[in-house]
Protein backbone atom coordinates (compact mmCIF):
# COMPACT_ATOMS: atom_id res chain seq x y z
CA UNK A 1 0.00 0.00 0.00
CA UNK A 2 2.76 2.44 0.92
CA UNK A 3 4.21 2.21 -2.59
CA UNK A 4 1.13 3.95 -3.95
CA UNK A 5 1.17 6.59 -1.21
CA UNK A 6 4.36 8.48 -1.94
CA UNK A 7 3.19 11.61 -0.12
CA UNK A 8 2.06 9.94 3.11
CA UNK A 9 4.04 9.12 6.23
CA UNK A 10 5.68 5.75 5.62
CA UNK A 11 6.24 5.26 9.35
CA UNK A 12 2.56 5.83 10.22
CA UNK A 13 1.44 3.63 7.35
CA UNK A 14 3.82 0.83 8.27
CA UNK A 15 2.76 0.96 11.95
CA UNK A 16 -0.88 0.53 10.90
CA UNK A 17 -0.24 -2.66 8.96
CA UNK A 18 0.21 -1.02 5.58
CA UNK A 19 -3.02 0.96 5.84
CA UNK A 20 -3.10 4.77 6.05
CA UNK A 21 -3.67 5.88 9.64
CA UNK A 22 -6.12 8.71 10.29
CA UNK A 23 -6.81 10.31 13.69
CA UNK A 24 -10.26 11.80 14.18
CA UNK A 25 -10.60 14.35 16.96
CA UNK A 26 -14.15 14.36 18.31
CA UNK A 27 -16.84 11.68 18.54
CA UNK A 28 -19.81 13.82 17.63
CA UNK A 29 -21.88 12.74 14.67
CA UNK A 30 -19.47 14.46 12.22
CA UNK A 31 -16.37 12.82 13.69
CA UNK A 32 -17.98 9.39 13.84
CA UNK A 33 -19.30 9.66 10.29
CA UNK A 34 -15.93 10.62 8.84
CA UNK A 35 -14.19 7.89 10.89
CA UNK A 36 -16.70 5.26 9.80
CA UNK A 37 -16.41 6.16 6.11
CA UNK A 38 -12.60 6.31 6.21
CA UNK A 39 -12.48 2.93 7.91
CA UNK A 40 -14.71 1.50 5.18
CA UNK A 41 -12.23 2.90 2.65
CA UNK A 42 -9.37 0.92 4.16
CA UNK A 43 -7.88 3.31 6.71
CA UNK A 44 -6.88 2.51 10.24
CA UNK A 45 -8.83 5.09 12.24
CA UNK A 46 -8.31 6.27 15.81
CA UNK A 47 -11.04 8.45 17.36
CA UNK A 48 -10.16 10.63 20.35
CA UNK A 49 -13.07 12.01 22.41
CA UNK A 50 -12.76 14.16 25.51
CA UNK A 51 -16.10 13.21 27.07
CA UNK A 52 -17.33 9.78 28.18
CA UNK A 53 -19.26 7.21 26.15
CA UNK A 54 -22.61 8.42 27.51
CA UNK A 55 -22.35 11.56 25.39
CA UNK A 56 -21.08 9.94 22.20
CA UNK A 57 -22.69 11.72 19.26
CA UNK A 58 -22.39 15.21 20.77
CA UNK A 59 -25.45 17.18 19.72
CA UNK A 60 -26.92 13.95 18.37
CA UNK A 61 -26.50 12.06 21.63
CA UNK A 62 -29.28 10.47 23.68
CA UNK A 63 -28.73 9.93 27.39
CA UNK A 64 -30.79 7.58 29.53
CA UNK A 65 -32.58 8.69 32.69
CA UNK A 66 -34.93 6.36 34.57
CA UNK A 67 -35.72 4.42 31.41
CA UNK A 68 -36.26 7.52 29.23
CA UNK A 69 -33.90 8.39 26.38
CA UNK A 70 -33.36 12.17 26.32
CA UNK A 71 -32.01 13.67 23.11
CA UNK A 72 -29.32 16.22 23.96
CA UNK A 73 -29.84 18.24 20.79
CA UNK A 74 -31.50 17.17 17.57
CA UNK A 75 -34.74 15.29 18.08
CA UNK A 76 -37.00 15.46 15.01
CA UNK A 77 -35.48 14.04 11.83
CA UNK A 78 -36.80 14.64 8.31
CA UNK A 79 -37.14 12.04 5.58
CA UNK A 80 -35.23 14.53 3.46
CA UNK A 81 -32.13 13.56 5.48
CA UNK A 82 -31.22 10.96 2.89
CA UNK A 83 -27.53 10.93 3.79
CA UNK A 84 -28.45 10.11 7.39
CA UNK A 85 -30.75 7.30 6.31
CA UNK A 86 -28.03 5.94 4.02
CA UNK A 87 -25.55 6.09 6.91
CA UNK A 88 -27.94 4.13 9.12
CA UNK A 89 -28.12 1.42 6.43
CA UNK A 90 -24.34 1.28 6.15
CA UNK A 91 -24.05 1.05 9.94
CA UNK A 92 -26.44 -1.91 9.97
CA UNK A 93 -29.32 -0.25 11.80
CA UNK A 94 -31.62 0.60 8.93
CA UNK A 95 -34.20 -1.68 10.53
CA UNK A 96 -34.18 0.54 13.64
CA UNK A 97 -35.37 3.62 11.78
CA UNK A 98 -38.92 4.25 12.99
CA UNK A 99 -41.49 6.12 10.88
CA UNK A 100 -42.69 9.05 12.96
CA UNK A 101 -45.93 10.91 13.19
CA UNK A 102 -45.71 14.13 11.19
CA UNK A 103 -48.23 16.17 13.21
CA UNK A 104 -46.72 19.40 14.51
CA UNK A 105 -48.39 22.17 16.44
CA UNK A 106 -48.12 25.93 15.96
CA UNK A 107 -49.43 28.18 18.72
CA UNK A 108 -51.38 31.39 18.23
CA UNK A 109 -53.49 33.10 20.89
CA UNK A 110 -52.77 30.22 23.30
CA UNK A 111 -54.35 27.77 20.90
CA UNK A 112 -52.45 24.95 19.20
CA UNK A 113 -53.09 24.59 15.47
CA UNK A 114 -52.07 21.24 13.98
CA UNK A 115 -50.64 20.58 10.55
CA UNK A 116 -49.06 17.62 8.75
CA UNK A 117 -45.54 18.30 7.47
CA UNK A 118 -45.13 15.07 5.51
CA UNK A 119 -47.43 16.15 2.69
CA UNK A 120 -46.92 19.43 0.86
CA UNK A 121 -50.66 19.97 0.11
CA UNK A 122 -51.62 19.18 3.74
CA UNK A 123 -48.90 21.42 5.12
CA UNK A 124 -49.93 24.27 2.83
CA UNK A 125 -53.56 23.86 3.85
CA UNK A 126 -52.60 23.87 7.52
CA UNK A 127 -50.49 27.01 7.13
CA UNK A 128 -53.34 28.79 5.36
CA UNK A 129 -55.63 27.99 8.30
CA UNK A 130 -53.01 29.03 10.85
CA UNK A 131 -51.35 32.10 9.34
CA UNK A 132 -52.57 35.38 10.84
CA UNK A 133 -52.13 37.00 7.40
CA UNK A 134 -52.59 34.33 4.70
CA UNK A 135 -51.90 36.89 1.96
CA UNK A 136 -48.23 36.89 3.06
CA UNK A 137 -47.85 33.18 2.30
CA UNK A 138 -47.53 33.50 -1.51
CA UNK A 139 -44.53 35.80 -1.01
CA UNK A 140 -42.91 33.34 1.38
CA UNK A 141 -43.55 30.37 -0.88
CA UNK A 142 -42.30 32.17 -3.99
CA UNK A 143 -39.10 33.10 -2.19
CA UNK A 144 -38.74 29.56 -0.88
CA UNK A 145 -39.03 28.09 -4.39
CA UNK A 146 -36.40 30.56 -5.62
CA UNK A 147 -33.95 29.97 -2.75
CA UNK A 148 -34.35 26.22 -2.20
CA UNK A 149 -32.61 25.46 -5.51
CA UNK A 150 -29.39 26.78 -3.95
CA UNK A 151 -29.69 24.85 -0.66
CA UNK A 152 -27.36 21.92 -1.20
CA UNK A 153 -26.73 19.73 1.86
CA UNK A 154 -23.11 19.27 0.79
CA UNK A 155 -22.30 22.75 -0.48
CA UNK A 156 -23.97 25.97 0.72
CA UNK A 157 -21.91 28.26 -1.51
CA UNK A 158 -24.71 28.76 -4.06
CA UNK A 159 -26.97 30.08 -1.30
CA UNK A 160 -24.51 32.89 -0.61
CA UNK A 161 -26.08 35.12 -3.23
CA UNK A 162 -29.28 35.22 -1.16
CA UNK A 163 -27.41 36.18 2.00
CA UNK A 164 -26.86 39.72 3.28
CA UNK A 165 -29.83 40.64 5.45
CA UNK A 166 -31.40 39.44 8.65
CA UNK A 167 -34.72 37.62 8.82
CA UNK A 168 -36.27 40.83 10.19
CA UNK A 169 -34.68 42.85 7.37
CA UNK A 170 -35.99 40.41 4.78
CA UNK A 171 -39.51 40.64 6.24
CA UNK A 172 -39.43 44.44 6.16
CA UNK A 173 -38.18 44.50 2.57
CA UNK A 174 -40.90 42.09 1.44
CA UNK A 175 -43.61 43.96 3.32
CA UNK A 176 -44.55 41.01 5.54
CA UNK A 177 -46.86 41.79 8.44
CA UNK A 178 -45.60 41.67 12.06
CA UNK A 179 -47.93 38.75 12.77
CA UNK A 180 -46.26 36.72 10.01
CA UNK A 181 -42.84 37.45 11.51
CA UNK A 182 -43.98 36.59 15.05
CA UNK A 183 -45.91 33.40 14.28
CA UNK A 184 -44.15 31.95 11.22
CA UNK A 185 -40.65 33.33 10.69
CA UNK A 186 -39.73 33.52 14.37
CA UNK A 187 -40.55 29.82 15.06
CA UNK A 188 -38.68 28.74 11.91
CA UNK A 189 -35.71 30.85 12.97
CA UNK A 190 -35.77 29.33 16.46
CA UNK A 191 -35.84 25.78 15.07
CA UNK A 192 -32.91 26.57 12.78
CA UNK A 193 -30.67 28.56 15.11
CA UNK A 194 -32.35 29.29 18.48
CA UNK A 195 -31.66 32.94 17.74
CA UNK A 196 -33.81 36.00 17.19
CA UNK A 197 -34.94 37.19 13.76
CA UNK A 198 -33.06 40.46 14.20
CA UNK A 199 -29.68 38.68 14.36
CA UNK A 200 -29.98 35.68 12.04
CA UNK A 201 -29.36 35.48 8.30
CA UNK A 202 -32.52 35.39 6.22
CA UNK A 203 -31.48 32.00 4.82
CA UNK A 204 -32.24 30.27 8.17
CA UNK A 205 -36.05 29.92 7.88
CA UNK A 206 -35.80 28.73 4.28
CA UNK A 207 -33.28 26.11 5.35
CA UNK A 208 -35.85 24.81 7.83
CA UNK A 209 -38.61 24.83 5.24
CA UNK A 210 -36.31 22.93 2.89
CA UNK A 211 -35.94 20.23 5.53
CA UNK A 212 -39.68 19.84 5.97
CA UNK A 213 -41.52 20.60 2.75
CA UNK A 214 -42.19 17.67 0.48
CA UNK A 215 -39.87 15.40 2.40
CA UNK A 216 -42.32 12.60 3.10
CA UNK A 217 -42.53 13.15 6.85
CA UNK A 218 -40.32 12.49 9.85
CA UNK A 219 -38.48 9.56 11.40
CA UNK A 220 -36.74 8.64 14.62
CA UNK A 221 -34.73 5.77 16.10
CA UNK A 222 -35.56 3.29 18.81
CA UNK A 223 -33.53 4.44 21.80
CA UNK A 224 -33.47 8.08 20.67
CA UNK A 225 -31.57 9.78 17.88
CA UNK A 226 -28.36 8.79 19.65
CA UNK A 227 -28.87 5.24 18.40
CA UNK A 228 -27.05 6.14 15.18
CA UNK A 229 -23.85 7.57 16.71
CA UNK A 230 -23.77 4.77 19.30
CA UNK A 231 -23.86 2.22 16.47
CA UNK A 232 -21.06 3.98 14.60
CA UNK A 233 -18.91 4.21 17.73
CA UNK A 234 -19.37 0.49 18.43
CA UNK A 235 -17.68 -0.25 15.09
CA UNK A 236 -14.73 2.08 15.64
CA UNK A 237 -11.72 2.39 17.91
CA UNK A 238 -12.77 5.26 20.20
CA UNK A 239 -10.68 6.44 23.15
CA UNK A 240 -12.83 8.38 25.62
CA UNK A 241 -11.67 10.99 28.12
CA UNK A 242 -8.83 11.84 25.75
CA UNK A 243 -7.90 15.53 25.91
CA UNK A 244 -6.22 16.52 22.67
CA UNK A 245 -3.61 19.25 23.15
CA UNK A 246 -2.22 19.83 19.67
CA UNK A 247 -2.54 18.85 16.03
CA UNK A 248 0.57 19.52 13.97
CA UNK A 249 1.00 18.88 10.27
CA UNK A 250 4.32 18.36 8.50
CA UNK A 251 5.50 17.19 5.10
CA UNK A 252 5.34 13.51 6.05
CA UNK A 253 2.23 13.29 8.23
CA UNK A 254 0.34 14.60 11.24
CA UNK A 255 1.14 14.42 14.93
CA UNK A 256 -1.72 14.53 17.44
CA UNK A 257 -0.73 15.08 21.07
CA UNK A 258 -3.23 14.10 23.73
CA UNK A 259 -3.53 13.21 27.39
CA UNK A 260 -5.82 10.87 29.29
CA UNK A 261 -8.13 12.26 31.95
CA UNK A 262 -6.18 10.48 34.70
CA UNK A 263 -3.26 12.85 34.14
CA UNK A 264 -0.82 10.31 32.75
CA UNK A 265 1.95 11.53 30.49
CA UNK A 266 1.04 13.09 27.16
CA UNK A 267 1.04 10.77 24.17
CA UNK A 268 1.57 11.48 20.51
CA UNK A 269 -0.26 9.70 17.70
CA UNK A 270 1.62 9.85 14.41
CA UNK A 271 -0.73 9.51 11.49
CA UNK A 272 -1.06 10.12 7.79
CA UNK A 273 -3.96 12.53 8.23
CA UNK A 274 -6.35 14.03 10.76
CA UNK A 275 -10.00 15.03 10.82
CA UNK A 276 -10.96 17.68 13.38
CA UNK A 277 -14.64 17.42 14.24
CA UNK A 278 -14.81 19.75 17.22
CA UNK A 279 -16.37 23.17 17.89
CA UNK A 280 -14.69 25.97 15.93
CA UNK A 281 -12.99 27.64 18.94
CA UNK A 282 -11.46 24.30 19.94
CA UNK A 283 -10.15 23.73 16.42
CA UNK A 284 -8.36 27.07 16.61
CA UNK A 285 -6.75 26.13 19.90
CA UNK A 286 -5.58 22.75 18.64
CA UNK A 287 -4.41 23.57 15.13
CA UNK A 288 -2.06 26.54 15.35
CA UNK A 289 -1.12 26.16 11.68
CA UNK A 290 -4.58 27.15 10.47
CA UNK A 291 -4.19 29.88 7.89
CA UNK A 292 -5.21 33.35 9.00
CA UNK A 293 -8.37 33.90 6.90
CA UNK A 294 -9.90 30.73 8.36
CA UNK A 295 -8.72 31.48 11.88
CA UNK A 296 -10.11 35.01 11.73
CA UNK A 297 -13.52 33.80 10.59
CA UNK A 298 -13.80 30.90 13.03
CA UNK A 299 -12.76 33.21 15.84
CA UNK A 300 -15.91 35.23 15.11
CA UNK A 301 -18.20 32.21 15.07
CA UNK A 302 -20.94 32.70 17.63
CA UNK A 303 -22.78 29.87 19.35
CA UNK A 304 -26.22 29.85 20.83
CA UNK A 305 -26.65 27.91 24.03
CA UNK A 306 -29.83 26.30 25.22
CA UNK A 307 -31.66 24.96 28.21
CA UNK A 308 -33.81 21.84 27.81
CA UNK A 309 -35.95 20.62 30.68
CA UNK A 310 -37.27 17.05 30.53
CA UNK A 311 -40.39 15.82 32.29
CA UNK A 312 -40.91 12.06 32.26
CA UNK A 313 -44.59 11.26 32.82
CA UNK A 314 -46.44 8.17 33.99
CA UNK A 315 -48.80 8.50 31.01
CA UNK A 316 -48.85 10.19 27.56
CA UNK A 317 -50.09 13.74 27.13
CA UNK A 318 -53.45 14.74 25.74
CA UNK A 319 -51.54 16.78 23.15
CA UNK A 320 -50.83 14.51 20.17
CA UNK A 321 -48.33 16.60 18.18
CA UNK A 322 -44.68 15.55 18.07
CA UNK A 323 -43.71 19.17 18.59
CA UNK A 324 -45.49 22.39 19.53
CA UNK A 325 -43.80 25.67 18.62
CA UNK A 326 -44.32 28.66 20.89
CA UNK A 327 -43.60 32.02 19.18
CA UNK A 328 -42.15 34.82 21.28
CA UNK A 329 -45.44 36.65 20.87
CA UNK A 330 -46.90 33.89 23.08
CA UNK A 331 -43.98 33.56 25.52
CA UNK A 332 -40.70 35.51 25.64
CA UNK A 333 -38.50 32.59 26.75
CA UNK A 334 -40.05 29.28 25.69
CA UNK A 335 -39.36 27.99 22.17
CA UNK A 336 -41.73 25.06 22.50
CA UNK A 337 -41.94 21.42 23.47
CA UNK A 338 -40.90 18.15 21.89
CA UNK A 339 -43.13 15.15 22.71
CA UNK A 340 -41.10 12.02 21.83
CA UNK A 341 -43.85 9.63 22.97
CA UNK A 342 -45.96 10.90 20.08
CA UNK A 343 -43.30 10.16 17.44
CA UNK A 344 -43.40 6.36 17.25
CA UNK A 345 -44.29 3.33 19.39
CA UNK A 346 -41.32 2.22 21.45
CA UNK A 347 -39.66 5.65 21.55
CA UNK A 348 -40.39 5.90 25.31
CA UNK A 349 -41.29 3.20 27.86
CA UNK A 350 -44.71 1.66 27.30
CA UNK A 351 -47.54 3.79 28.68
CA UNK A 352 -45.25 6.72 29.56
CA UNK A 353 -44.94 10.26 28.24
CA UNK A 354 -41.99 12.59 27.77
CA UNK A 355 -42.09 16.39 27.53
CA UNK A 356 -38.94 18.26 26.51
CA UNK A 357 -39.30 22.01 27.08
CA UNK A 358 -36.80 24.05 25.04
CA UNK A 359 -35.86 27.67 25.77
CA UNK A 360 -34.67 30.45 23.48
CA UNK A 361 -30.96 31.00 23.13
CA UNK A 362 -31.01 34.55 24.52
CA UNK A 363 -32.90 33.43 27.64
CA UNK A 364 -30.74 30.32 28.04
CA UNK A 365 -27.49 32.28 27.86
CA UNK A 366 -28.66 34.45 30.76
CA UNK A 367 -30.13 31.70 32.96
CA UNK A 368 -28.12 28.54 32.19
CA UNK A 369 -26.22 28.62 35.49
CA UNK A 370 -29.30 28.65 37.70
CA UNK A 371 -29.75 25.63 40.00
CA UNK A 372 -31.58 22.73 38.40
CA UNK A 373 -34.62 23.18 40.66
CA UNK A 374 -35.00 26.81 39.52
CA UNK A 375 -34.82 25.87 35.84
CA UNK A 376 -37.41 23.13 36.33
CA UNK A 377 -39.72 25.66 38.00
CA UNK A 378 -39.16 28.13 35.15
CA UNK A 379 -40.21 25.38 32.73
CA UNK A 380 -43.31 24.55 34.75
CA UNK A 381 -44.30 28.20 34.92
CA UNK A 382 -43.76 28.73 31.18
CA UNK A 383 -45.84 25.67 30.25
CA UNK A 384 -48.53 26.83 32.65
CA UNK A 385 -48.60 30.27 31.03
CA UNK A 386 -49.13 28.90 27.52
CA UNK A 387 -51.43 26.14 28.80
CA UNK A 388 -49.39 23.30 27.37
CA UNK A 389 -48.98 19.76 28.77
CA UNK A 390 -50.78 20.23 32.12
CA UNK A 391 -49.84 16.61 32.89
CA UNK A 392 -46.45 17.80 34.17
CA UNK A 393 -48.17 19.14 37.30
CA UNK A 394 -49.15 15.80 38.81
CA UNK A 395 -47.93 13.04 36.47
CA UNK A 396 -44.17 13.69 36.52
CA UNK A 397 -41.98 10.76 37.58
CA UNK A 398 -38.62 12.10 36.32
CA UNK A 399 -37.05 15.52 35.70
CA UNK A 400 -33.71 16.34 34.15
CA UNK A 401 -32.06 19.52 32.89
CA UNK A 402 -29.75 19.73 29.88
CA UNK A 403 -27.82 22.95 29.32
CA UNK A 404 -25.49 22.73 26.31
CA UNK A 405 -23.40 25.87 26.03
CA UNK A 406 -22.51 25.38 22.36
CA UNK A 407 -25.81 24.08 21.09
CA UNK A 408 -25.74 25.50 17.59
CA UNK A 409 -23.87 28.05 15.48
CA UNK A 410 -26.18 30.72 14.19
CA UNK A 411 -25.25 32.39 10.93
CA UNK A 412 -25.39 36.17 10.82
CA UNK A 413 -26.12 38.17 7.67
CA UNK A 414 -23.12 37.85 5.36
CA UNK A 415 -21.74 34.67 6.95
CA UNK A 416 -22.76 32.44 4.03
CA UNK A 417 -20.87 34.66 1.61
CA UNK A 418 -17.74 34.25 3.69
CA UNK A 419 -18.33 30.49 4.03
CA UNK A 420 -18.65 30.18 0.24
CA UNK A 421 -15.28 31.85 -0.20
CA UNK A 422 -13.47 29.96 2.55
CA UNK A 423 -14.98 26.56 1.78
CA UNK A 424 -13.24 26.47 -1.59
CA UNK A 425 -9.96 27.88 -0.28
CA UNK A 426 -8.89 25.20 2.22
CA UNK A 427 -5.55 23.84 0.90
CA UNK A 428 -6.22 20.79 -1.24
CA UNK A 429 -2.97 19.15 -0.20
CA UNK A 430 -3.61 19.54 3.53
CA UNK A 431 -3.54 16.42 5.69
CA UNK A 432 -5.92 18.09 8.15
CA UNK A 433 -9.63 18.38 7.37
CA UNK A 434 -12.49 20.01 9.26
CA UNK A 435 -15.79 18.14 9.58
CA UNK A 436 -19.09 19.36 10.96
CA UNK A 437 -21.76 21.95 10.41
CA UNK A 438 -19.89 24.49 12.52
CA UNK A 439 -17.35 25.12 9.76
CA UNK A 440 -18.41 25.61 6.14
CA UNK A 441 -22.13 24.91 6.19
CA UNK A 442 -25.22 24.94 8.42
CA UNK A 443 -24.98 23.89 12.05
CA UNK A 444 -27.29 20.86 11.99
CA UNK A 445 -26.88 17.11 12.37
CA UNK A 446 -27.59 16.36 8.73
CA UNK A 447 -25.28 19.07 7.43
CA UNK A 448 -22.64 17.70 9.80
CA UNK A 449 -23.00 14.22 8.29
CA UNK A 450 -22.70 15.65 4.78
CA UNK A 451 -19.68 17.74 5.80
CA UNK A 452 -18.06 14.61 7.25
CA UNK A 453 -18.68 12.71 4.02
CA UNK A 454 -16.89 15.46 2.10
CA UNK A 455 -13.95 15.43 4.55
CA UNK A 456 -13.64 11.64 4.19
CA UNK A 457 -13.81 11.82 0.40
CA UNK A 458 -11.13 14.53 0.20
CA UNK A 459 -8.81 12.62 2.51
CA UNK A 460 -9.44 9.52 0.40
CA UNK A 461 -8.22 11.50 -2.60
CA UNK A 462 -5.29 12.92 -0.63
CA UNK A 463 -4.16 9.47 0.49
CA UNK A 464 -4.50 7.95 -2.96
CA UNK A 465 -7.22 5.47 -1.99
CA UNK A 466 -10.00 4.27 -4.23
CA UNK A 467 -13.42 5.43 -3.02
CA UNK A 468 -15.25 2.46 -4.53
CA UNK A 469 -15.51 0.41 -1.33
CA UNK A 470 -16.93 3.23 0.71
CA UNK A 471 -18.78 5.24 -1.90
CA UNK A 472 -21.29 7.37 -0.04
CA UNK A 473 -22.48 10.56 -1.67
C-alpha cells in the first residue's frame, strides 16, 4: 500500500499494517461519520473524544434517565435527510429507523393549530388555516421556491447570493406583516438557530422549510436519535476521556498530542492525516497552523446555548403533536416542546410520556447557570402560562435539565458569503480536514453528516485510496 502513497508518512502507514492511519478528533456525529467512512475505505482510524461514552454523538446524543432516552440536541429528523438514512443502512441499523408521526403544532393566541408536514398539500392547507395574514404566504412560498434550488446539503456556496440581510430585514423588505414574523418566521428561525430574527441570516427559515416541505414526513430511532452515533462508535476504535492538546501537520504526516483524563503523560499519535470534528474555537486552539483567513472567521463564530428541561410522565399527554412551537409573541422565553412519545411506538417506555421544554438561546445564555430546581420551576411556569402539557403538574416521575453551552452556530447576515469563499480555499494538499456543520455549512446534524462525508472523500483522494468500497455521496 505504501508504494502507492508516496506523499504519506511511511512510518505511520507501516505501523498501521500497511493501511493509512487517520486520527479523528471528536466523537460527535461528524467525527464518527468521517471515521466510519474512512475505515470503510481501508484506513486505520483512531477516534479521540474528551467526554465519556454516555455523550457519544455530541449534539446527536441520547442519554438515559430512569428508562427515558433524552435527546441532547437534535430530536426530530426529516425524511429529506437521505444521507443520514443511508448512513444508518451502512451502519447496519436501517431496521431501527422508525417512521414518525408528522403532526406538529403551531401556537397562536394560546391555541395549538395542527398541521401535517409530511405532505406538501396538507402542510400548505394547515399554514393557510393558521397564518394570521394568509396573503403573506404566496410571497414566502415564492421566495422559498427561488432559494431552495441553492440549498445543497453538501455545499452551501450557491446560497450565498441570497445572503446579506437578517430575517427581520428580509420581512421588512418584502412587506410582511408583524404577525407573520412573530408566528411563522420567528418559530422557523428558532428551530434553525435558536436565535432572534433580528440577528440571524434570512437563509435560516428557508433552510428549515427545505428540511420539511415535500420530504415525506419524519423519522426517529428506537432508543433516541443517539442510536445512530452509538452504532457507529461500536464499530470504531474510540478512546474516551482523551484531551487533545495539539494537532501539527508536517511534510510527512500529522502528529496529534493528547492526554488521558487520569493525568498520565502526554502521548503522541503519528498519522497520515487528521479530521478535526470539534467546535470551531477548539479547532483554533488545537491547530495553530490554520491559515489566518480561516482562523479570523472561526474566531468570530458565535454559538447559541440552550436549556432543555425534561419531564418524564407516567402516562402520555393529551396533546398529540410531536412538537409544539411557541412564538415569542406567546412567551418571551419558551421555544416550544418536543413530545417524543408521540413520534413512534417504542420511543419511550410503554404507557409513559416525555415532555422536553426548550428555551430560546437569549434566555438560556442568561439563565443557564441557575440551580436545576429553579430551571425546572421556570419550565413549569412557562408551560402553565401557555397552557401546554398540564400533565407535568401531577404526572411527573422524572425531571432532568440539559444545558449545552454550544448548542448550535447561528449564521449572521453575510456569513454564508464568507463560508462560500473559505470553503473552496482550504488547501487541497492539507492532511488536516475540518468536519461538521460548525465550519463551512449549516450547524445541523444532517449538514454535519454531509460535511463529514466530504472530509472523508477529500482525505481519500489525498491518500490515494480508491473510493469504490466506501462510496457514499
